[in-house]
N, C-alpha and C. Protein backbone atom coordinates (compact mmCIF):
# COMPACT_ATOMS: atom_id res chain seq x y z
N MET A 1 27.64 -29.25 99.93
CA MET A 1 28.51 -30.45 100.20
C MET A 1 28.45 -31.19 101.30
N SER A 2 28.40 -32.31 101.49
CA SER A 2 28.31 -33.16 102.52
C SER A 2 29.53 -32.75 103.51
N PRO A 3 29.17 -32.94 104.97
CA PRO A 3 30.18 -32.72 105.75
C PRO A 3 31.28 -33.89 105.90
N ILE A 4 30.66 -35.11 105.16
CA ILE A 4 31.71 -36.06 105.29
C ILE A 4 32.50 -35.82 103.99
N LEU A 5 33.67 -35.32 104.33
CA LEU A 5 34.78 -34.95 103.31
C LEU A 5 35.37 -36.04 102.60
N VAL A 6 35.75 -37.10 103.29
CA VAL A 6 36.37 -38.11 102.71
C VAL A 6 35.57 -39.54 103.23
N ARG A 7 34.84 -40.23 102.21
CA ARG A 7 34.30 -41.32 102.65
C ARG A 7 35.07 -42.36 102.11
N PRO A 8 35.16 -43.53 103.03
CA PRO A 8 36.22 -44.68 102.39
C PRO A 8 35.68 -45.16 101.08
N VAL A 9 36.77 -45.55 100.48
CA VAL A 9 36.56 -45.86 98.78
C VAL A 9 35.61 -46.92 98.90
N ARG A 10 35.54 -48.23 99.55
CA ARG A 10 34.60 -49.25 99.54
C ARG A 10 33.06 -48.77 99.60
N GLU A 11 32.86 -47.81 100.78
CA GLU A 11 31.68 -47.14 101.20
C GLU A 11 31.33 -46.30 99.92
N GLN A 12 31.89 -45.41 99.22
CA GLN A 12 31.67 -44.82 98.27
C GLN A 12 31.20 -45.56 97.05
N LEU A 13 31.83 -46.73 96.75
CA LEU A 13 31.21 -47.41 95.58
C LEU A 13 30.08 -48.02 95.97
N GLU A 14 29.77 -48.60 97.26
CA GLU A 14 28.59 -49.21 97.69
C GLU A 14 27.54 -48.11 97.44
N HIS A 15 27.96 -46.85 97.95
CA HIS A 15 26.84 -45.79 98.18
C HIS A 15 26.28 -45.27 96.60
N ASP A 16 27.30 -45.44 95.78
CA ASP A 16 26.96 -44.91 94.14
C ASP A 16 26.37 -46.22 93.55
N ARG A 17 26.67 -47.37 93.82
CA ARG A 17 26.14 -48.61 93.49
C ARG A 17 24.72 -48.50 94.03
N ILE A 18 24.27 -48.29 95.10
CA ILE A 18 22.95 -47.96 95.65
C ILE A 18 22.13 -47.01 94.99
N ILE A 19 22.68 -45.98 94.66
CA ILE A 19 21.99 -44.98 94.08
C ILE A 19 21.80 -45.36 92.52
N ARG A 20 22.45 -46.01 91.82
CA ARG A 20 22.28 -46.48 90.68
C ARG A 20 20.98 -47.46 90.55
N LEU A 21 20.95 -48.53 91.58
CA LEU A 21 20.05 -49.37 91.72
C LEU A 21 18.57 -48.59 91.80
N LEU A 22 18.52 -47.79 92.65
CA LEU A 22 17.56 -46.94 93.01
C LEU A 22 16.93 -46.26 91.88
N GLN A 23 17.98 -45.45 91.12
CA GLN A 23 17.55 -44.72 89.81
C GLN A 23 16.87 -45.77 88.73
N ALA A 24 17.50 -47.07 88.69
CA ALA A 24 16.73 -48.07 88.02
C ALA A 24 15.32 -48.40 88.43
N LYS A 25 15.01 -48.20 89.67
CA LYS A 25 13.97 -48.75 90.30
C LYS A 25 13.00 -47.65 89.93
N TRP A 26 13.18 -46.41 90.17
CA TRP A 26 12.41 -45.59 90.18
C TRP A 26 11.95 -44.78 88.73
N ARG A 27 12.94 -45.22 87.77
CA ARG A 27 12.73 -44.83 86.57
C ARG A 27 11.53 -44.99 85.81
N ARG A 28 10.98 -46.11 86.28
CA ARG A 28 9.77 -46.50 85.71
C ARG A 28 8.50 -45.60 85.50
N LYS A 29 8.66 -45.20 86.97
CA LYS A 29 7.52 -44.13 87.60
C LYS A 29 7.91 -42.55 87.23
N TYR A 30 8.92 -42.44 87.49
CA TYR A 30 9.52 -40.83 87.39
C TYR A 30 10.72 -40.60 86.70
N GLU A 31 10.90 -39.55 86.58
CA GLU A 31 12.24 -39.11 85.87
C GLU A 31 13.20 -39.08 87.06
N ALA A 32 14.20 -39.94 87.10
CA ALA A 32 15.15 -39.99 88.04
C ALA A 32 16.52 -39.74 87.83
N ALA A 33 16.99 -38.36 88.42
CA ALA A 33 18.22 -37.73 88.43
C ALA A 33 18.93 -37.98 89.56
N ILE A 34 20.24 -38.42 89.37
CA ILE A 34 21.32 -38.93 90.21
C ILE A 34 22.49 -37.98 90.47
N ASN A 35 22.76 -37.88 91.63
CA ASN A 35 24.11 -37.11 91.82
C ASN A 35 25.22 -38.05 92.82
N PRO A 36 25.60 -39.14 91.98
CA PRO A 36 26.69 -39.95 92.77
C PRO A 36 27.95 -39.35 92.98
N GLY A 37 28.66 -39.79 94.07
CA GLY A 37 29.98 -39.19 94.46
C GLY A 37 29.93 -37.78 94.59
N ASN A 38 30.86 -36.92 94.11
CA ASN A 38 30.63 -35.56 94.03
C ASN A 38 30.03 -34.83 92.82
N GLU A 39 29.25 -35.48 92.05
CA GLU A 39 28.89 -34.90 90.94
C GLU A 39 27.53 -34.22 91.49
N GLN A 40 27.47 -32.98 90.69
CA GLN A 40 26.11 -32.25 91.17
C GLN A 40 25.27 -32.12 89.78
N ASN A 41 24.43 -33.27 89.55
CA ASN A 41 23.85 -33.15 88.06
C ASN A 41 22.24 -32.63 88.34
N ALA A 42 21.64 -32.95 89.40
CA ALA A 42 20.32 -32.64 89.79
C ALA A 42 20.14 -31.86 90.92
N ALA A 43 19.69 -30.67 91.00
CA ALA A 43 19.49 -29.56 92.18
C ALA A 43 18.31 -29.74 92.43
N VAL A 44 18.03 -29.31 93.79
CA VAL A 44 16.72 -28.97 94.24
C VAL A 44 16.90 -27.54 94.85
N GLY A 45 16.14 -26.77 94.41
CA GLY A 45 16.02 -25.15 94.80
C GLY A 45 16.86 -24.56 93.76
N ALA A 46 16.88 -23.12 94.39
CA ALA A 46 17.55 -22.25 93.63
C ALA A 46 19.19 -22.22 93.56
N PRO A 47 19.84 -22.00 92.63
CA PRO A 47 21.36 -21.92 92.88
C PRO A 47 22.09 -21.42 94.33
N PRO A 48 21.75 -20.38 94.70
CA PRO A 48 22.52 -20.17 95.76
C PRO A 48 22.34 -21.05 97.12
N THR A 49 21.26 -21.41 97.14
CA THR A 49 20.67 -22.53 98.17
C THR A 49 20.45 -23.69 97.70
N ALA A 50 20.94 -24.19 96.79
CA ALA A 50 20.49 -25.56 96.03
C ALA A 50 21.00 -26.79 96.76
N ILE A 51 20.16 -27.79 97.03
CA ILE A 51 20.39 -28.96 97.53
C ILE A 51 20.73 -30.04 96.69
N TYR A 52 21.75 -30.89 96.49
CA TYR A 52 21.91 -31.82 95.75
C TYR A 52 21.78 -33.18 96.54
N PRO A 53 20.30 -33.67 96.74
CA PRO A 53 20.18 -35.07 97.23
C PRO A 53 21.01 -36.12 96.21
N ASP A 54 20.75 -37.49 96.75
CA ASP A 54 21.46 -38.51 95.87
C ASP A 54 20.45 -38.90 94.77
N LEU A 55 19.21 -38.57 95.03
CA LEU A 55 18.18 -39.03 93.92
C LEU A 55 17.11 -38.13 93.96
N VAL A 56 16.83 -37.41 92.78
CA VAL A 56 15.76 -36.40 92.44
C VAL A 56 14.73 -37.08 91.61
N LEU A 57 13.60 -37.27 92.31
CA LEU A 57 12.50 -37.77 91.41
C LEU A 57 11.55 -36.52 90.89
N SER A 58 11.29 -36.56 89.54
CA SER A 58 10.52 -35.45 88.93
C SER A 58 9.45 -36.18 88.31
N SER A 59 8.44 -35.56 87.97
CA SER A 59 7.25 -36.08 87.24
C SER A 59 7.68 -36.19 85.84
N THR A 60 7.16 -37.10 84.99
CA THR A 60 7.37 -37.15 83.74
C THR A 60 6.71 -36.10 82.79
N GLU A 61 5.68 -35.45 83.32
CA GLU A 61 4.95 -34.57 82.57
C GLU A 61 5.52 -33.39 82.22
N ARG A 62 5.29 -32.50 81.43
CA ARG A 62 5.71 -31.06 81.07
C ARG A 62 6.35 -30.38 82.13
N GLY A 63 5.73 -30.35 83.19
CA GLY A 63 6.61 -29.10 84.21
C GLY A 63 7.60 -29.68 84.98
N HIS A 64 7.83 -31.10 84.91
CA HIS A 64 9.00 -31.77 85.59
C HIS A 64 9.06 -31.33 87.25
N ARG A 65 7.72 -31.60 87.67
CA ARG A 65 7.60 -30.95 89.07
C ARG A 65 8.08 -32.06 90.11
N LEU A 66 8.85 -31.61 91.04
CA LEU A 66 9.63 -32.47 91.84
C LEU A 66 8.36 -33.49 92.73
N GLN A 67 8.57 -34.77 92.92
CA GLN A 67 7.91 -35.51 93.40
C GLN A 67 8.70 -36.26 94.48
N GLY A 68 9.70 -36.26 94.92
CA GLY A 68 10.45 -36.90 96.13
C GLY A 68 12.01 -36.79 95.94
N VAL A 69 12.78 -37.05 97.13
CA VAL A 69 13.89 -36.98 97.09
C VAL A 69 14.26 -37.95 97.93
N ILE A 70 15.51 -38.62 97.66
CA ILE A 70 16.19 -39.92 98.41
C ILE A 70 17.64 -39.66 98.53
N GLU A 71 17.65 -39.79 99.90
CA GLU A 71 19.33 -39.69 100.35
C GLU A 71 19.63 -41.02 100.79
N VAL A 72 20.83 -41.58 100.35
CA VAL A 72 21.48 -42.90 100.67
C VAL A 72 22.64 -42.57 101.56
N GLU A 73 22.74 -43.30 102.73
CA GLU A 73 23.67 -43.23 103.58
C GLU A 73 24.57 -44.54 103.81
N THR A 74 25.81 -44.41 104.13
CA THR A 74 26.52 -45.45 104.64
C THR A 74 26.79 -45.25 106.01
N GLY A 75 27.63 -46.41 106.46
CA GLY A 75 27.78 -46.60 107.96
C GLY A 75 28.27 -45.40 108.53
N GLU A 76 29.45 -44.56 107.63
CA GLU A 76 30.34 -43.59 107.98
C GLU A 76 29.33 -42.24 108.08
N SER A 77 28.44 -42.21 107.24
CA SER A 77 27.65 -41.06 107.07
C SER A 77 26.23 -40.69 108.05
N VAL A 78 26.12 -41.82 108.69
CA VAL A 78 24.84 -41.76 109.48
C VAL A 78 25.45 -41.16 110.78
N ASN A 79 25.25 -39.78 110.98
CA ASN A 79 25.84 -38.89 112.00
C ASN A 79 24.88 -37.60 112.40
N HIS A 80 25.30 -37.01 113.46
CA HIS A 80 24.55 -35.88 113.68
C HIS A 80 24.80 -34.78 112.66
N LEU A 81 25.92 -34.51 112.28
CA LEU A 81 26.42 -33.38 111.20
C LEU A 81 25.64 -33.68 110.04
N GLU A 82 25.68 -35.11 109.38
CA GLU A 82 24.90 -35.36 108.10
C GLU A 82 23.47 -34.99 108.50
N ALA A 83 22.89 -35.47 109.47
CA ALA A 83 21.60 -35.30 109.82
C ALA A 83 20.99 -33.66 109.60
N LEU A 84 21.79 -32.90 110.61
CA LEU A 84 21.54 -31.41 110.39
C LEU A 84 22.04 -30.80 108.99
N SER A 85 22.86 -31.10 108.35
CA SER A 85 23.34 -30.41 107.21
C SER A 85 22.58 -30.90 106.04
N GLN A 86 22.05 -32.31 105.94
CA GLN A 86 21.17 -32.57 104.80
C GLN A 86 19.72 -33.00 105.04
N TRP A 87 19.90 -33.98 105.83
CA TRP A 87 18.42 -34.58 106.14
C TRP A 87 17.34 -33.23 106.61
N ALA A 88 17.63 -32.74 107.52
CA ALA A 88 16.98 -31.38 107.81
C ALA A 88 16.40 -30.56 106.69
N HIS A 89 17.27 -30.16 105.74
CA HIS A 89 16.98 -29.35 104.92
C HIS A 89 15.96 -30.17 103.69
N LEU A 90 16.45 -31.42 103.23
CA LEU A 90 15.64 -32.10 102.47
C LEU A 90 14.27 -32.50 102.94
N ALA A 91 14.18 -32.49 104.40
CA ALA A 91 12.68 -32.91 104.82
C ALA A 91 12.08 -31.67 105.07
N LYS A 92 12.54 -30.33 104.80
CA LYS A 92 11.58 -29.29 104.83
C LYS A 92 11.01 -29.02 103.36
N LEU A 93 11.52 -29.78 102.30
CA LEU A 93 10.97 -29.79 101.12
C LEU A 93 9.51 -30.08 101.15
N ARG A 94 8.70 -29.82 99.81
CA ARG A 94 7.43 -29.94 100.02
C ARG A 94 7.35 -31.42 99.26
N ALA A 95 8.10 -32.23 99.02
CA ALA A 95 8.39 -33.70 98.50
C ALA A 95 8.59 -34.57 99.29
N PRO A 96 8.17 -35.62 99.05
CA PRO A 96 8.37 -36.82 100.19
C PRO A 96 9.77 -37.07 100.22
N PHE A 97 10.24 -37.31 101.44
CA PHE A 97 11.79 -37.52 101.86
C PHE A 97 11.93 -38.96 102.19
N HIS A 98 12.89 -39.70 101.34
CA HIS A 98 13.09 -41.13 101.79
C HIS A 98 14.63 -41.53 102.07
N LEU A 99 14.94 -42.00 103.26
CA LEU A 99 16.17 -42.14 103.71
C LEU A 99 16.62 -43.60 103.68
N TYR A 100 17.85 -43.90 102.97
CA TYR A 100 17.98 -45.42 103.03
C TYR A 100 19.45 -45.26 103.84
N VAL A 101 19.48 -46.37 104.82
CA VAL A 101 20.53 -46.55 105.68
C VAL A 101 21.03 -47.98 105.93
N PRO A 102 22.26 -48.16 106.17
CA PRO A 102 22.36 -49.56 106.16
C PRO A 102 21.79 -50.22 107.47
N ALA A 103 21.56 -51.48 107.57
CA ALA A 103 20.55 -52.14 108.50
C ALA A 103 21.13 -52.01 109.71
N GLY A 104 22.59 -52.26 109.97
CA GLY A 104 22.86 -51.90 111.25
C GLY A 104 22.82 -50.51 111.89
N MET A 105 22.21 -49.40 111.14
CA MET A 105 22.28 -48.11 111.60
C MET A 105 20.73 -47.53 111.37
N VAL A 106 19.76 -48.31 111.40
CA VAL A 106 18.55 -47.90 111.54
C VAL A 106 18.18 -47.12 112.63
N ASP A 107 18.42 -47.81 113.75
CA ASP A 107 17.98 -47.03 115.30
C ASP A 107 18.80 -45.79 115.36
N VAL A 108 19.94 -45.63 115.02
CA VAL A 108 20.89 -44.42 114.99
C VAL A 108 20.27 -43.33 114.23
N ALA A 109 19.75 -43.72 112.81
CA ALA A 109 19.11 -42.73 111.93
C ALA A 109 17.56 -42.29 112.71
N ARG A 110 16.93 -43.36 113.34
CA ARG A 110 15.50 -43.05 113.74
C ARG A 110 15.84 -41.87 114.98
N ARG A 111 16.89 -42.27 115.84
CA ARG A 111 17.13 -41.43 117.01
C ARG A 111 17.54 -40.16 116.40
N LEU A 112 18.46 -39.92 115.55
CA LEU A 112 18.82 -38.70 115.01
C LEU A 112 17.36 -37.90 114.60
N CYS A 113 16.53 -38.57 113.76
CA CYS A 113 15.59 -37.78 113.30
C CYS A 113 14.52 -37.22 114.23
N GLU A 114 14.44 -38.01 115.40
CA GLU A 114 13.51 -37.48 116.44
C GLU A 114 14.21 -36.53 117.38
N GLU A 115 15.42 -36.66 117.37
CA GLU A 115 16.10 -35.54 118.40
C GLU A 115 16.01 -34.27 117.60
N ASN A 116 16.27 -34.41 116.19
CA ASN A 116 16.47 -33.09 115.63
C ASN A 116 15.24 -32.78 114.64
N GLN A 117 14.03 -33.22 115.14
CA GLN A 117 12.71 -33.04 114.45
C GLN A 117 12.70 -32.97 113.01
N ILE A 118 13.54 -34.01 112.36
CA ILE A 118 13.36 -34.24 111.01
C ILE A 118 12.32 -35.10 110.56
N HIS A 119 11.52 -34.70 109.69
CA HIS A 119 10.29 -35.68 109.40
C HIS A 119 10.96 -36.09 108.00
N VAL A 120 10.86 -37.37 108.10
CA VAL A 120 11.39 -38.46 106.98
C VAL A 120 9.91 -39.11 106.64
N ASN A 121 9.58 -39.35 105.44
CA ASN A 121 8.44 -39.84 105.16
C ASN A 121 8.62 -41.49 105.10
N GLU A 122 9.86 -41.96 104.48
CA GLU A 122 10.02 -43.34 104.82
C GLU A 122 11.60 -43.56 105.33
N ILE A 123 11.93 -44.56 105.88
CA ILE A 123 13.18 -44.91 106.38
C ILE A 123 13.51 -46.41 105.51
N TRP A 124 14.38 -46.75 104.82
CA TRP A 124 14.53 -48.04 104.54
C TRP A 124 15.94 -48.61 104.60
N SER A 125 16.09 -49.71 105.17
CA SER A 125 17.35 -50.34 105.36
C SER A 125 17.76 -50.97 104.13
N TYR A 126 19.01 -51.16 104.10
CA TYR A 126 19.70 -52.11 102.93
C TYR A 126 20.92 -53.02 103.53
N HIS A 127 20.95 -54.15 102.95
CA HIS A 127 22.04 -55.01 103.30
C HIS A 127 22.41 -55.84 102.19
N THR A 128 23.60 -56.28 102.10
CA THR A 128 24.08 -56.83 100.80
C THR A 128 24.15 -58.53 101.21
N VAL A 129 23.56 -59.42 100.09
CA VAL A 129 23.48 -60.76 100.36
C VAL A 129 24.22 -61.16 99.09
N GLY A 130 25.50 -61.58 99.20
CA GLY A 130 26.39 -61.79 97.90
C GLY A 130 26.77 -60.57 97.19
N ASP A 131 26.23 -60.60 96.03
CA ASP A 131 26.39 -59.48 95.04
C ASP A 131 25.16 -58.72 94.83
N GLN A 132 24.03 -58.99 95.80
CA GLN A 132 22.65 -58.54 95.69
C GLN A 132 22.71 -57.60 96.89
N ILE A 133 21.91 -56.39 96.48
CA ILE A 133 21.53 -55.70 97.72
C ILE A 133 19.90 -55.61 97.82
N ARG A 134 19.58 -55.82 99.10
CA ARG A 134 18.23 -55.96 99.52
C ARG A 134 17.82 -54.86 100.52
N PHE A 135 16.24 -54.34 99.84
CA PHE A 135 16.07 -53.16 100.78
C PHE A 135 14.80 -53.65 101.48
N THR A 136 14.68 -52.88 102.54
CA THR A 136 13.52 -53.31 103.69
C THR A 136 13.07 -52.02 104.14
N LEU A 137 11.47 -51.88 104.18
CA LEU A 137 11.07 -50.68 104.48
C LEU A 137 10.95 -50.81 106.28
N VAL A 138 11.48 -49.69 106.82
CA VAL A 138 11.37 -50.11 108.30
C VAL A 138 10.77 -48.86 109.33
N HIS A 139 10.27 -47.71 108.30
CA HIS A 139 9.70 -46.64 109.04
C HIS A 139 8.91 -45.89 107.93
N ARG A 140 7.30 -45.94 108.13
CA ARG A 140 6.58 -44.81 107.38
C ARG A 140 6.01 -43.92 108.27
N SER A 141 5.99 -42.64 107.57
CA SER A 141 5.55 -41.52 108.49
C SER A 141 3.92 -41.81 108.34
N ARG A 142 3.37 -41.36 109.66
CA ARG A 142 1.92 -41.51 109.83
C ARG A 142 1.24 -40.61 108.96
N GLU A 143 1.84 -39.47 108.55
CA GLU A 143 1.11 -38.45 107.68
C GLU A 143 1.15 -38.88 106.12
N ALA A 144 2.27 -39.91 105.90
CA ALA A 144 2.33 -40.65 104.77
C ALA A 144 1.12 -41.27 104.32
N PRO A 145 0.30 -41.03 103.26
CA PRO A 145 -0.73 -41.86 102.93
C PRO A 145 -0.27 -43.12 102.63
N ALA A 146 -0.95 -44.33 103.23
CA ALA A 146 -0.88 -45.84 103.04
C ALA A 146 -1.17 -45.98 101.66
N ALA A 147 -0.71 -47.18 101.16
CA ALA A 147 -1.26 -47.65 99.95
C ALA A 147 -2.60 -48.11 100.29
N PRO A 148 -3.55 -48.19 99.32
CA PRO A 148 -4.85 -48.65 99.31
C PRO A 148 -4.90 -50.04 99.26
N ARG A 149 -5.54 -50.66 100.42
CA ARG A 149 -5.68 -51.87 100.50
C ARG A 149 -7.00 -52.49 99.93
N ALA A 150 -6.87 -53.82 99.47
CA ALA A 150 -8.29 -54.34 98.68
C ALA A 150 -8.94 -54.79 99.98
N ARG A 151 -10.30 -54.30 100.11
CA ARG A 151 -11.08 -54.87 101.13
C ARG A 151 -11.37 -56.49 100.89
N PRO A 152 -11.37 -57.12 101.97
CA PRO A 152 -11.85 -58.38 101.54
C PRO A 152 -13.24 -58.74 101.44
N VAL A 153 -13.60 -59.22 100.40
CA VAL A 153 -15.01 -59.56 100.08
C VAL A 153 -15.50 -60.86 100.69
N PRO A 154 -16.65 -60.54 101.66
CA PRO A 154 -17.11 -61.71 102.27
C PRO A 154 -17.76 -62.52 101.38
N ALA A 155 -17.64 -63.87 101.59
CA ALA A 155 -17.93 -64.80 101.00
C ALA A 155 -19.57 -65.33 101.07
N ALA A 156 -20.02 -65.28 99.73
CA ALA A 156 -21.45 -65.40 99.67
C ALA A 156 -21.81 -66.79 99.81
N PRO A 157 -22.89 -67.47 100.45
CA PRO A 157 -23.43 -68.62 100.45
C PRO A 157 -23.60 -69.26 99.04
N PRO A 158 -23.36 -70.40 98.87
CA PRO A 158 -23.60 -71.15 97.54
C PRO A 158 -25.15 -71.08 97.13
N PRO A 159 -25.32 -70.81 96.11
CA PRO A 159 -27.10 -70.99 95.73
C PRO A 159 -27.61 -72.19 95.65
N ARG A 160 -28.57 -72.48 96.23
CA ARG A 160 -29.13 -73.67 96.58
C ARG A 160 -29.76 -74.04 95.04
N ARG A 161 -29.49 -75.15 94.35
CA ARG A 161 -29.94 -75.68 93.17
C ARG A 161 -30.94 -77.01 93.45
N LYS A 162 -31.89 -77.33 92.59
CA LYS A 162 -32.44 -78.40 92.64
C LYS A 162 -31.94 -79.50 91.45
N ALA A 163 -31.72 -80.58 91.95
CA ALA A 163 -31.03 -81.52 90.95
C ALA A 163 -31.95 -82.66 90.73
N ALA A 164 -32.78 -82.73 89.65
CA ALA A 164 -33.79 -83.61 89.37
C ALA A 164 -34.70 -83.89 90.60
N GLY A 165 -35.32 -82.88 90.98
CA GLY A 165 -36.39 -82.90 91.97
C GLY A 165 -35.85 -83.02 93.31
N ARG A 166 -34.63 -83.29 93.64
CA ARG A 166 -34.09 -83.56 95.11
C ARG A 166 -33.36 -82.24 95.13
N SER A 167 -33.06 -81.78 96.30
CA SER A 167 -32.10 -80.57 96.75
C SER A 167 -30.52 -81.11 96.49
N VAL A 168 -29.81 -80.11 96.63
CA VAL A 168 -28.36 -80.45 96.48
C VAL A 168 -27.76 -81.30 97.39
N LYS A 169 -28.21 -80.93 98.72
CA LYS A 169 -27.89 -81.78 99.95
C LYS A 169 -28.21 -83.20 99.84
N THR A 170 -29.42 -83.47 99.21
CA THR A 170 -29.79 -84.99 98.98
C THR A 170 -28.91 -85.57 97.94
N ALA A 171 -28.98 -84.85 96.85
CA ALA A 171 -28.02 -85.28 95.61
C ALA A 171 -26.61 -85.91 96.17
N ALA A 172 -26.07 -84.84 96.93
CA ALA A 172 -24.45 -85.08 97.39
C ALA A 172 -24.46 -86.28 98.16
N ARG A 173 -25.39 -86.74 98.98
CA ARG A 173 -25.43 -87.79 99.97
C ARG A 173 -25.48 -89.20 99.23
N LYS A 174 -26.15 -89.41 98.16
CA LYS A 174 -26.39 -90.29 97.59
C LYS A 174 -25.20 -90.66 96.40
N PRO A 175 -24.68 -91.78 96.34
CA PRO A 175 -23.59 -92.02 95.45
C PRO A 175 -24.17 -92.18 94.09
N ALA A 176 -23.39 -91.52 93.14
CA ALA A 176 -23.71 -91.67 91.76
C ALA A 176 -23.52 -93.22 91.24
N LYS A 177 -24.62 -93.38 90.32
CA LYS A 177 -24.51 -94.93 89.90
C LYS A 177 -23.31 -94.96 88.80
N LYS A 178 -22.77 -95.91 88.87
CA LYS A 178 -21.38 -96.26 87.95
C LYS A 178 -22.02 -96.75 86.48
N PRO A 179 -21.43 -96.36 85.65
CA PRO A 179 -21.90 -96.69 84.12
C PRO A 179 -21.41 -98.28 84.08
N SER A 180 -22.50 -98.89 83.53
CA SER A 180 -22.29 -100.35 83.35
C SER A 180 -21.26 -100.59 82.27
N ARG A 181 -20.71 -102.11 82.28
CA ARG A 181 -19.86 -101.97 81.13
C ARG A 181 -20.16 -101.88 79.62
N SER A 182 -21.34 -101.97 79.59
CA SER A 182 -21.58 -101.72 78.12
C SER A 182 -21.57 -100.35 77.65
N GLN A 183 -21.72 -99.70 78.87
CA GLN A 183 -21.96 -98.09 78.41
C GLN A 183 -20.52 -97.69 78.36
N LYS A 184 -19.52 -98.29 78.99
CA LYS A 184 -18.00 -97.90 78.93
C LYS A 184 -17.62 -98.38 77.70
N ARG A 185 -17.94 -99.30 77.09
CA ARG A 185 -17.30 -99.87 75.72
C ARG A 185 -17.75 -98.97 74.56
N LYS A 186 -18.87 -98.21 74.72
CA LYS A 186 -19.41 -97.53 73.44
C LYS A 186 -18.36 -96.43 73.24
């Protein structure tokens, strides 16, 4: 259970909404199970020491191997207690750990992770624009593999062609003949 015993109702609703948005986003690639509010639907680990992160990503293959965990925090829950009780345990898992925090709390979350040696693969910020929630990647661990980039292909020089006994350069300099009126009428 989180050390935040009572989260303000407005923040709890926002927290659960973000969890559901992330579940929809990750559902295309993984089997995404959520633990909104006080629900304990998907655990990581054995029952006596089980951890219930906000989002558990498992492979869609037969073994349902753990692929990642996501923890969503609100303004009230980005604190030292939360970092030690949840983030530290989630960071020790063999799966990538992603942390989502409000845009105004990014620096606090980074500082808490550095001070407590908590290895987070990615830190994302979120903010609300109207009724939409926007996510921004603000930190990616150096150990995390970066997405492969396409190497730019050097442009090859255009092939030189002969045009009616003249080089392309000469043909380009001389204006083309305009069709006569009799040719246009046909």
